[in-house]
Amino acid sequence: MTHPTLRSTLLRAAACTALLAPVGFVAAEPASAATNSQMQKDVITLVNAQRKKVGCAPLRTSTALRNAAILHSIDMRTKNYFSHTSKDGRSPWDRIRAQNYAYGSAENIAAGQRTAKAVVDAWMKSTGHRKNILNCANKAVGVGVSKGSGTYYIYWTQDFGTR
């Protein structure tokens, strides 16, 4: 059995280093960057904290409302618009019913806020959005966020329901 020569050992080490080095330099999102799912959960937590202050019960998460909200956020971002009315003319109620939820009651949208706290703060400073959040008749919520291309980079939708 022969031992590898110093030269072949160094060549193998250099080759391994060359293959591995670029991996260490790949830019990644900072560890603090939240996923869309985490941002959606954070919005609900922050909204429920606001509701508690005025004596409202916490909102429960509805999968149907969440799906309607996510799809609307994606649609606004990918088609580069900002409106409660979709480019195809659908209203929030149309989109919510399309997810088999018959009790839609309100919708908040926002764009450009980079964190859950920033979007909830913006909604709480707006009379209409604040009213939707603090309406104790609302019992369920779904939040959607979509990040990427588009004028505002990040688009938010919050759909509410009464059951």
C-alpha atoms as a PDB file:
ATOM      1  CA  MET A   1       0.000   0.000   0.000  1.00  0.00           C
ATOM      2  CA  THR A   2       1.446   3.329  -0.970  1.00  0.00           C
ATOM      3  CA  HIS A   3       0.849   6.564   0.843  1.00  0.00           C
ATOM      4  CA  PRO A   4      -0.358   9.514  -1.184  1.00  0.00           C
ATOM      5  CA  THR A   5       2.358  11.905  -2.058  1.00  0.00           C
ATOM      6  CA  LEU A   6       2.354  15.393  -0.661  1.00  0.00           C
ATOM      7  CA  ARG A   7       1.650  16.761  -4.132  1.00  0.00           C
ATOM      8  CA  SER A   8      -1.451  14.593  -4.737  1.00  0.00           C
ATOM      9  CA  THR A   9      -2.747  15.393  -1.252  1.00  0.00           C
ATOM     10  CA  LEU A  10      -2.383  19.127  -1.879  1.00  0.00           C
ATOM     11  CA  LEU A  11      -4.062  18.838  -5.292  1.00  0.00           C
ATOM     12  CA  ARG A  12      -7.030  16.991  -3.789  1.00  0.00           C
ATOM     13  CA  ALA A  13      -7.294  19.570  -0.993  1.00  0.00           C
ATOM     14  CA  ALA A  14      -7.173  22.431  -3.510  1.00  0.00           C
ATOM     15  CA  ALA A  15      -9.873  20.795  -5.651  1.00  0.00           C
ATOM     16  CA  CYS A  16     -12.136  20.300  -2.652  1.00  0.00           C
ATOM     17  CA  THR A  17     -11.588  23.881  -1.553  1.00  0.00           C
ATOM     18  CA  ALA A  18     -12.410  25.161  -5.043  1.00  0.00           C
ATOM     19  CA  LEU A  19     -15.645  23.178  -5.092  1.00  0.00           C
ATOM     20  CA  LEU A  20     -16.716  24.189  -1.612  1.00  0.00           C
ATOM     21  CA  ALA A  21     -15.606  27.816  -1.539  1.00  0.00           C
ATOM     22  CA  PRO A  22     -18.439  29.270  -3.636  1.00  0.00           C
ATOM     23  CA  VAL A  23     -21.020  27.743  -1.306  1.00  0.00           C
ATOM     24  CA  GLY A  24     -19.701  29.826   1.564  1.00  0.00           C
ATOM     25  CA  PHE A  25     -20.129  33.026  -0.422  1.00  0.00           C
ATOM     26  CA  VAL A  26     -23.688  32.518  -1.623  1.00  0.00           C
ATOM     27  CA  ALA A  27     -25.852  35.347  -0.369  1.00  0.00           C
ATOM     28  CA  ALA A  28     -28.704  34.131   1.800  1.00  0.00           C
ATOM     29  CA  GLU A  29     -31.559  35.803   3.576  1.00  0.00           C
ATOM     30  CA  PRO A  30     -30.569  36.870   7.066  1.00  0.00           C
ATOM     31  CA  ALA A  31     -31.586  34.460   9.806  1.00  0.00           C
ATOM     32  CA  SER A  32     -34.073  37.071  11.003  1.00  0.00           C
ATOM     33  CA  ALA A  33     -35.937  37.153   7.671  1.00  0.00           C
ATOM     34  CA  ALA A  34     -39.402  35.735   8.279  1.00  0.00           C
ATOM     35  CA  THR A  35     -41.134  33.338   5.938  1.00  0.00           C
ATOM     36  CA  ASN A  36     -44.488  34.285   4.453  1.00  0.00           C
ATOM     37  CA  SER A  37     -46.145  31.752   6.746  1.00  0.00           C
ATOM     38  CA  GLN A  38     -44.484  33.220   9.835  1.00  0.00           C
ATOM     39  CA  MET A  39     -45.389  36.772   8.771  1.00  0.00           C
ATOM     40  CA  GLN A  40     -49.018  35.714   8.342  1.00  0.00           C
ATOM     41  CA  LYS A  41     -49.054  34.171  11.842  1.00  0.00           C
ATOM     42  CA  ASP A  42     -47.393  37.287  13.277  1.00  0.00           C
ATOM     43  CA  VAL A  43     -50.112  39.520  11.786  1.00  0.00           C
ATOM     44  CA  ILE A  44     -52.794  37.411  13.458  1.00  0.00           C
ATOM     45  CA  THR A  45     -50.973  37.527  16.800  1.00  0.00           C
ATOM     46  CA  LEU A  46     -50.615  41.320  16.592  1.00  0.00           C
ATOM     47  CA  VAL A  47     -54.235  41.789  15.499  1.00  0.00           C
ATOM     48  CA  ASN A  48     -55.495  39.609  18.331  1.00  0.00           C
ATOM     49  CA  ALA A  49     -53.467  41.690  20.791  1.00  0.00           C
ATOM     50  CA  GLN A  50     -55.232  44.820  19.484  1.00  0.00           C
ATOM     51  CA  ARG A  51     -58.629  43.107  19.734  1.00  0.00           C
ATOM     52  CA  LYS A  52     -57.937  42.045  23.321  1.00  0.00           C
ATOM     53  CA  LYS A  53     -57.387  45.703  24.292  1.00  0.00           C
ATOM     54  CA  VAL A  54     -61.002  46.502  23.347  1.00  0.00           C
ATOM     55  CA  GLY A  55     -62.562  43.324  24.722  1.00  0.00           C
ATOM     56  CA  CYS A  56     -62.971  41.374  21.464  1.00  0.00           C
ATOM     57  CA  ALA A  57     -62.375  37.644  21.338  1.00  0.00           C
ATOM     58  CA  PRO A  58     -59.323  36.500  19.380  1.00  0.00           C
ATOM     59  CA  LEU A  59     -59.858  35.683  15.737  1.00  0.00           C
ATOM     60  CA  ARG A  60     -59.462  32.044  14.739  1.00  0.00           C
ATOM     61  CA  THR A  61     -57.551  31.195  11.595  1.00  0.00           C
ATOM     62  CA  SER A  62     -59.667  30.039   8.669  1.00  0.00           C
ATOM     63  CA  THR A  63     -57.955  28.008   5.945  1.00  0.00           C
ATOM     64  CA  ALA A  64     -60.511  29.212   3.379  1.00  0.00           C
ATOM     65  CA  LEU A  65     -59.988  32.883   4.291  1.00  0.00           C
ATOM     66  CA  ARG A  66     -56.212  32.367   4.324  1.00  0.00           C
ATOM     67  CA  ASN A  67     -56.332  30.821   0.851  1.00  0.00           C
ATOM     68  CA  ALA A  68     -58.452  33.696  -0.494  1.00  0.00           C
ATOM     69  CA  ALA A  69     -56.051  36.214   1.061  1.00  0.00           C
ATOM     70  CA  ILE A  70     -52.900  34.500  -0.217  1.00  0.00           C
ATOM     71  CA  LEU A  71     -54.293  34.198  -3.735  1.00  0.00           C
ATOM     72  CA  HIS A  72     -55.271  37.875  -3.778  1.00  0.00           C
ATOM     73  CA  SER A  73     -51.842  38.980  -2.529  1.00  0.00           C
ATOM     74  CA  ILE A  74     -50.157  36.868  -5.212  1.00  0.00           C
ATOM     75  CA  ASP A  75     -52.532  38.216  -7.867  1.00  0.00           C
ATOM     76  CA  MET A  76     -51.859  41.849  -6.907  1.00  0.00           C
ATOM     77  CA  ARG A  77     -48.100  41.291  -6.941  1.00  0.00           C
ATOM     78  CA  THR A  78     -47.868  39.289 -10.163  1.00  0.00           C
ATOM     79  CA  LYS A  79     -50.299  41.527 -12.069  1.00  0.00           C
ATOM     80  CA  ASN A  80     -48.840  44.680 -10.482  1.00  0.00           C
ATOM     81  CA  TYR A  81     -51.957  46.365  -9.091  1.00  0.00           C
ATOM     82  CA  PHE A  82     -53.300  47.368  -5.704  1.00  0.00           C
ATOM     83  CA  SER A  83     -57.058  47.099  -5.252  1.00  0.00           C
ATOM     84  CA  HIS A  84     -59.818  45.186  -3.505  1.00  0.00           C
ATOM     85  CA  THR A  85     -61.163  44.422  -6.977  1.00  0.00           C
ATOM     86  CA  SER A  86     -59.132  41.873  -8.914  1.00  0.00           C
ATOM     87  CA  LYS A  87     -58.077  42.611 -12.495  1.00  0.00           C
ATOM     88  CA  ASP A  88     -60.740  40.099 -13.610  1.00  0.00           C
ATOM     89  CA  GLY A  89     -63.421  42.082 -11.758  1.00  0.00           C
ATOM     90  CA  ARG A  90     -63.826  39.809  -8.731  1.00  0.00           C
ATOM     91  CA  SER A  91     -64.656  41.398  -5.375  1.00  0.00           C
ATOM     92  CA  PRO A  92     -63.355  40.176  -2.016  1.00  0.00           C
ATOM     93  CA  TRP A  93     -66.703  38.395  -1.518  1.00  0.00           C
ATOM     94  CA  ASP A  94     -66.327  36.589  -4.864  1.00  0.00           C
ATOM     95  CA  ARG A  95     -62.812  35.433  -3.962  1.00  0.00           C
ATOM     96  CA  ILE A  96     -63.858  34.351  -0.459  1.00  0.00           C
ATOM     97  CA  ARG A  97     -66.899  32.423  -1.758  1.00  0.00           C
ATOM     98  CA  ALA A  98     -64.650  30.732  -4.337  1.00  0.00           C
ATOM     99  CA  GLN A  99     -62.829  29.200  -1.341  1.00  0.00           C
ATOM    100  CA  ASN A 100     -66.139  27.783  -0.027  1.00  0.00           C
ATOM    101  CA  TYR A 101     -66.522  30.294   2.785  1.00  0.00           C
ATOM    102  CA  ALA A 102     -69.954  31.940   2.865  1.00  0.00           C
ATOM    103  CA  TYR A 103     -69.471  34.418   5.723  1.00  0.00           C
ATOM    104  CA  GLY A 104     -66.902  36.937   4.477  1.00  0.00           C
ATOM    105  CA  SER A 105     -67.288  40.272   6.231  1.00  0.00           C
ATOM    106  CA  ALA A 106     -64.315  42.546   5.496  1.00  0.00           C
ATOM    107  CA  GLU A 107     -60.971  42.834   3.759  1.00  0.00           C
ATOM    108  CA  ASN A 108     -57.850  44.867   4.510  1.00  0.00           C
ATOM    109  CA  ILE A 109     -55.071  45.199   1.951  1.00  0.00           C
ATOM    110  CA  ALA A 110     -51.687  46.871   2.167  1.00  0.00           C
ATOM    111  CA  ALA A 111     -48.466  47.007   0.193  1.00  0.00           C
ATOM    112  CA  GLY A 112     -44.871  47.907   0.860  1.00  0.00           C
ATOM    113  CA  GLN A 113     -44.696  47.253   4.604  1.00  0.00           C
ATOM    114  CA  ARG A 114     -41.778  44.875   5.197  1.00  0.00           C
ATOM    115  CA  THR A 115     -42.879  43.388   8.521  1.00  0.00           C
ATOM    116  CA  ALA A 116     -46.030  42.163  10.223  1.00  0.00           C
ATOM    117  CA  LYS A 117     -45.669  44.915  12.827  1.00  0.00           C
ATOM    118  CA  ALA A 118     -45.388  47.596  10.147  1.00  0.00           C
ATOM    119  CA  VAL A 119     -48.509  46.437   8.314  1.00  0.00           C
ATOM    120  CA  VAL A 120     -50.594  46.101  11.488  1.00  0.00           C
ATOM    121  CA  ASP A 121     -49.404  49.546  12.641  1.00  0.00           C
ATOM    122  CA  ALA A 122     -50.458  51.000   9.269  1.00  0.00           C
ATOM    123  CA  TRP A 123     -53.870  49.328   9.435  1.00  0.00           C
ATOM    124  CA  MET A 124     -54.412  50.519  12.997  1.00  0.00           C
ATOM    125  CA  LYS A 125     -53.727  54.122  11.906  1.00  0.00           C
ATOM    126  CA  SER A 126     -56.407  53.888   9.191  1.00  0.00           C
ATOM    127  CA  THR A 127     -59.991  54.348  10.385  1.00  0.00           C
ATOM    128  CA  GLY A 128     -61.550  51.780   8.036  1.00  0.00           C
ATOM    129  CA  HIS A 129     -58.884  49.131   8.512  1.00  0.00           C
ATOM    130  CA  ARG A 130     -58.897  49.632  12.274  1.00  0.00           C
ATOM    131  CA  LYS A 131     -62.690  49.231  12.303  1.00  0.00           C
ATOM    132  CA  ASN A 132     -62.371  45.871  10.501  1.00  0.00           C
ATOM    133  CA  ILE A 133     -59.725  44.641  12.938  1.00  0.00           C
ATOM    134  CA  LEU A 134     -61.648  45.745  16.046  1.00  0.00           C
ATOM    135  CA  ASN A 135     -65.079  44.571  14.878  1.00  0.00           C
ATOM    136  CA  CYS A 136     -66.022  42.022  17.542  1.00  0.00           C
ATOM    137  CA  ALA A 137     -68.544  40.444  15.126  1.00  0.00           C
ATOM    138  CA  ASN A 138     -65.588  39.151  13.104  1.00  0.00           C
ATOM    139  CA  LYS A 139     -64.684  35.674  14.337  1.00  0.00           C
ATOM    140  CA  ALA A 140     -62.270  34.333  11.713  1.00  0.00           C
ATOM    141  CA  VAL A 141     -59.369  35.663   9.681  1.00  0.00           C
ATOM    142  CA  GLY A 142     -57.009  34.656   6.934  1.00  0.00           C
ATOM    143  CA  VAL A 143     -53.853  36.557   6.074  1.00  0.00           C
ATOM    144  CA  GLY A 144     -51.921  36.385   2.827  1.00  0.00           C
ATOM    145  CA  VAL A 145     -48.550  37.871   1.990  1.00  0.00           C
ATOM    146  CA  SER A 146     -46.665  37.720  -1.294  1.00  0.00           C
ATOM    147  CA  LYS A 147     -43.122  39.004  -1.811  1.00  0.00           C
ATOM    148  CA  GLY A 148     -41.198  39.521  -5.025  1.00  0.00           C
ATOM    149  CA  SER A 149     -41.641  41.550  -8.157  1.00  0.00           C
ATOM    150  CA  GLY A 150     -44.204  44.305  -8.327  1.00  0.00           C
ATOM    151  CA  THR A 151     -44.247  47.994  -7.545  1.00  0.00           C
ATOM    152  CA  TYR A 152     -44.340  47.492  -3.773  1.00  0.00           C
ATOM    153  CA  TYR A 153     -42.349  44.206  -3.473  1.00  0.00           C
ATOM    154  CA  ILE A 154     -44.653  42.925  -0.710  1.00  0.00           C
ATOM    155  CA  TYR A 155     -48.447  42.703  -0.799  1.00  0.00           C
ATOM    156  CA  TRP A 156     -50.732  41.923   2.137  1.00  0.00           C
ATOM    157  CA  THR A 157     -54.363  40.803   2.299  1.00  0.00           C
ATOM    158  CA  GLN A 158     -56.393  40.189   5.443  1.00  0.00           C
ATOM    159  CA  ASP A 159     -59.844  38.624   4.947  1.00  0.00           C
ATOM    160  CA  PHE A 160     -62.359  38.439   7.794  1.00  0.00           C
ATOM    161  CA  GLY A 161     -65.401  36.284   8.409  1.00  0.00           C
ATOM    162  CA  THR A 162     -68.220  36.138  10.906  1.00  0.00           C
ATOM    163  CA  ARG A 163     -68.074  32.367  11.569  1.00  0.00           C
END
